[in-house]
């Protein structure tokens, strides 16, 4: 698949990624700063993650998730 677009959304710097399939259609996916990037990930995605997923952003995302889980009663 060929990388078509990366959008950075939310204060936690999530990536919305759109790729073009070999058949010409679109494949969409989302990555969060807590995700581990695969070795075969597009270099542009790796570079953007290196730039934007700072320790501060990762910490804020972890804190948000813990607070949300506590608010929802551990569900």
N, C-alpha and C. Protein backbone atom coordinates (compact mmCIF):
# COMPACT_ATOMS: atom_id res chain seq x y z
N UNK A 1 0.83 -1.17 0.00
CA UNK A 1 0.00 0.00 0.00
C UNK A 1 0.88 1.25 0.00
N UNK A 2 0.36 2.28 -0.60
CA UNK A 2 1.08 3.54 -0.69
C UNK A 2 0.44 4.55 0.26
N UNK A 3 1.28 5.21 1.05
CA UNK A 3 0.79 6.23 1.97
C UNK A 3 0.20 7.38 1.17
N UNK A 4 -1.01 7.80 1.56
CA UNK A 4 -1.69 8.88 0.86
C UNK A 4 -1.81 10.13 1.73
N UNK A 5 -2.11 9.93 3.03
CA UNK A 5 -2.35 11.09 3.91
C UNK A 5 -2.14 10.71 5.36
N UNK A 6 -1.57 11.63 6.12
CA UNK A 6 -1.49 11.50 7.57
C UNK A 6 -2.13 12.76 8.16
N UNK A 7 -3.14 12.56 8.99
CA UNK A 7 -3.74 13.69 9.71
C UNK A 7 -3.44 13.50 11.19
N UNK A 8 -3.05 14.57 11.85
CA UNK A 8 -2.79 14.54 13.29
C UNK A 8 -4.02 15.14 13.97
N UNK A 9 -4.64 14.33 14.85
CA UNK A 9 -5.88 14.77 15.50
C UNK A 9 -5.77 14.61 17.01
N UNK A 10 -6.51 15.37 17.73
CA UNK A 10 -6.62 15.44 19.19
C UNK A 10 -5.34 16.00 19.80
N UNK A 11 -5.47 16.43 21.04
CA UNK A 11 -4.31 16.95 21.75
C UNK A 11 -3.30 15.86 22.07
N UNK A 12 -3.70 14.60 21.86
CA UNK A 12 -2.81 13.47 22.12
C UNK A 12 -2.08 13.00 20.85
N UNK A 13 -2.22 13.77 19.80
CA UNK A 13 -1.47 13.56 18.55
C UNK A 13 -1.72 12.19 17.92
N UNK A 14 -2.98 11.75 17.88
CA UNK A 14 -3.31 10.52 17.18
C UNK A 14 -3.15 10.74 15.68
N UNK A 15 -2.77 9.69 14.98
CA UNK A 15 -2.60 9.77 13.53
C UNK A 15 -3.76 9.06 12.85
N UNK A 16 -4.40 9.74 11.93
CA UNK A 16 -5.35 9.11 11.02
C UNK A 16 -4.60 8.94 9.70
N UNK A 17 -4.47 7.70 9.29
CA UNK A 17 -3.64 7.38 8.13
C UNK A 17 -4.53 6.84 7.01
N UNK A 18 -4.31 7.37 5.81
CA UNK A 18 -5.02 6.84 4.64
C UNK A 18 -3.98 6.34 3.65
N UNK A 19 -4.18 5.11 3.20
CA UNK A 19 -3.28 4.48 2.23
C UNK A 19 -4.08 4.09 1.00
N UNK A 20 -3.41 4.01 -0.12
CA UNK A 20 -4.03 3.55 -1.36
C UNK A 20 -3.62 2.10 -1.56
N UNK A 21 -4.62 1.24 -1.74
CA UNK A 21 -4.36 -0.18 -1.95
C UNK A 21 -3.88 -0.43 -3.37
N UNK A 22 -3.37 -1.61 -3.62
CA UNK A 22 -2.92 -1.98 -4.96
C UNK A 22 -4.07 -1.96 -5.96
N UNK A 23 -5.30 -2.13 -5.47
CA UNK A 23 -6.49 -2.12 -6.33
C UNK A 23 -7.01 -0.72 -6.58
N UNK A 24 -6.42 0.29 -5.92
CA UNK A 24 -6.83 1.67 -6.12
C UNK A 24 -7.82 2.19 -5.09
N UNK A 25 -8.21 1.36 -4.15
CA UNK A 25 -9.12 1.79 -3.09
C UNK A 25 -8.35 2.39 -1.94
N UNK A 26 -9.09 2.76 -0.91
CA UNK A 26 -8.47 3.35 0.27
C UNK A 26 -8.53 2.40 1.45
N UNK A 27 -7.50 2.45 2.26
CA UNK A 27 -7.46 1.75 3.54
C UNK A 27 -7.15 2.81 4.59
N UNK A 28 -7.98 2.84 5.63
CA UNK A 28 -7.79 3.84 6.69
C UNK A 28 -7.50 3.14 8.00
N UNK A 29 -6.66 3.79 8.81
CA UNK A 29 -6.35 3.26 10.14
C UNK A 29 -5.94 4.41 11.04
N UNK A 30 -5.93 4.13 12.33
CA UNK A 30 -5.58 5.15 13.31
C UNK A 30 -4.48 4.62 14.21
N UNK A 31 -3.52 5.46 14.55
CA UNK A 31 -2.46 5.11 15.48
C UNK A 31 -2.49 6.09 16.65
N UNK A 32 -2.27 5.54 17.84
CA UNK A 32 -2.18 6.36 19.04
C UNK A 32 -0.74 6.35 19.52
N UNK A 33 -0.38 7.35 20.31
CA UNK A 33 1.02 7.47 20.73
C UNK A 33 1.46 6.30 21.60
N UNK A 34 0.54 5.50 22.08
CA UNK A 34 0.92 4.33 22.87
C UNK A 34 1.17 3.11 21.97
N UNK A 35 0.88 3.24 20.68
CA UNK A 35 1.08 2.12 19.75
C UNK A 35 2.57 1.95 19.43
N UNK A 36 2.97 0.72 19.28
CA UNK A 36 4.32 0.42 18.83
C UNK A 36 4.30 0.35 17.31
N UNK A 37 5.19 1.07 16.68
CA UNK A 37 5.22 1.09 15.22
C UNK A 37 5.95 -0.14 14.69
N UNK A 38 5.37 -0.74 13.69
CA UNK A 38 5.97 -1.91 13.06
C UNK A 38 7.22 -1.52 12.29
N UNK A 39 8.13 -2.46 12.17
CA UNK A 39 9.37 -2.21 11.43
C UNK A 39 9.10 -1.78 9.99
N UNK A 40 8.01 -2.32 9.40
CA UNK A 40 7.71 -2.02 8.01
C UNK A 40 6.76 -0.82 7.85
N UNK A 41 6.60 -0.04 8.92
CA UNK A 41 5.75 1.16 8.85
C UNK A 41 6.37 2.15 7.87
N UNK A 42 5.53 2.96 7.24
CA UNK A 42 6.01 3.99 6.32
C UNK A 42 6.98 4.91 7.05
N UNK A 43 8.07 5.26 6.41
CA UNK A 43 9.08 6.11 7.03
C UNK A 43 8.50 7.46 7.44
N UNK A 44 7.60 8.00 6.64
CA UNK A 44 6.99 9.29 6.97
C UNK A 44 6.20 9.21 8.28
N UNK A 45 5.53 8.09 8.53
CA UNK A 45 4.80 7.89 9.78
C UNK A 45 5.79 7.81 10.94
N UNK A 46 6.87 7.06 10.76
CA UNK A 46 7.90 6.95 11.80
C UNK A 46 8.50 8.31 12.13
N UNK A 47 8.78 9.09 11.10
CA UNK A 47 9.37 10.42 11.31
C UNK A 47 8.41 11.34 12.07
N UNK A 48 7.14 11.29 11.70
CA UNK A 48 6.14 12.13 12.37
C UNK A 48 5.96 11.70 13.82
N UNK A 49 5.98 10.40 14.07
CA UNK A 49 5.87 9.90 15.45
C UNK A 49 7.08 10.35 16.27
N UNK A 50 8.24 10.27 15.70
CA UNK A 50 9.47 10.71 16.38
C UNK A 50 9.38 12.19 16.75
N UNK A 51 8.82 12.98 15.85
CA UNK A 51 8.70 14.42 16.06
C UNK A 51 7.62 14.78 17.09
N UNK A 52 6.45 14.14 16.99
CA UNK A 52 5.28 14.58 17.76
C UNK A 52 5.00 13.79 19.03
N UNK A 53 5.39 12.53 19.07
CA UNK A 53 5.07 11.71 20.23
C UNK A 53 6.16 11.86 21.29
N UNK A 54 6.20 13.03 21.87
CA UNK A 54 7.18 13.34 22.90
C UNK A 54 6.80 12.61 24.19
N UNK A 55 7.73 12.59 25.13
CA UNK A 55 7.43 11.99 26.44
C UNK A 55 6.25 12.69 27.09
N UNK A 56 6.15 14.00 26.91
CA UNK A 56 5.04 14.76 27.49
C UNK A 56 3.70 14.32 26.89
N UNK A 57 3.64 14.13 25.58
CA UNK A 57 2.41 13.69 24.92
C UNK A 57 2.05 12.28 25.36
N UNK A 58 3.04 11.40 25.42
CA UNK A 58 2.79 10.02 25.85
C UNK A 58 2.28 9.97 27.28
N UNK A 59 2.87 10.79 28.15
CA UNK A 59 2.45 10.83 29.55
C UNK A 59 1.01 11.36 29.68
N UNK A 60 0.70 12.40 28.92
CA UNK A 60 -0.65 12.97 28.95
C UNK A 60 -1.67 11.94 28.46
N UNK A 61 -1.34 11.16 27.45
CA UNK A 61 -2.24 10.14 26.93
C UNK A 61 -2.44 9.02 27.96
N UNK A 62 -1.37 8.59 28.60
CA UNK A 62 -1.47 7.55 29.63
C UNK A 62 -2.34 8.03 30.79
N UNK A 63 -2.14 9.27 31.21
CA UNK A 63 -2.94 9.85 32.29
C UNK A 63 -4.40 9.94 31.88
N UNK A 64 -4.67 10.38 30.67
CA UNK A 64 -6.05 10.48 30.17
C UNK A 64 -6.72 9.11 30.19
N UNK A 65 -6.02 8.09 29.71
CA UNK A 65 -6.59 6.74 29.68
C UNK A 65 -6.89 6.24 31.09
N UNK A 66 -5.99 6.46 32.04
CA UNK A 66 -6.19 6.00 33.42
C UNK A 66 -7.38 6.73 34.05
N UNK A 67 -7.47 8.03 33.82
CA UNK A 67 -8.59 8.80 34.37
C UNK A 67 -9.91 8.35 33.77
N UNK A 68 -9.90 8.09 32.48
CA UNK A 68 -11.12 7.63 31.81
C UNK A 68 -11.55 6.27 32.34
N UNK A 69 -10.60 5.37 32.51
CA UNK A 69 -10.90 4.04 33.02
C UNK A 69 -11.46 4.12 34.44
N UNK A 70 -10.86 4.97 35.28
CA UNK A 70 -11.35 5.15 36.65
C UNK A 70 -12.76 5.72 36.65
N UNK A 71 -13.00 6.67 35.78
CA UNK A 71 -14.32 7.30 35.67
C UNK A 71 -15.38 6.29 35.23
N UNK A 72 -14.99 5.37 34.37
CA UNK A 72 -15.92 4.37 33.85
C UNK A 72 -16.04 3.17 34.78
N UNK A 73 -15.35 3.20 35.89
CA UNK A 73 -15.45 2.10 36.85
C UNK A 73 -14.62 0.89 36.48
N UNK A 74 -13.53 1.10 35.76
CA UNK A 74 -12.65 -0.01 35.40
C UNK A 74 -13.16 -0.87 34.27
N UNK A 75 -14.16 -0.38 33.56
CA UNK A 75 -14.72 -1.15 32.44
C UNK A 75 -13.89 -0.97 31.22
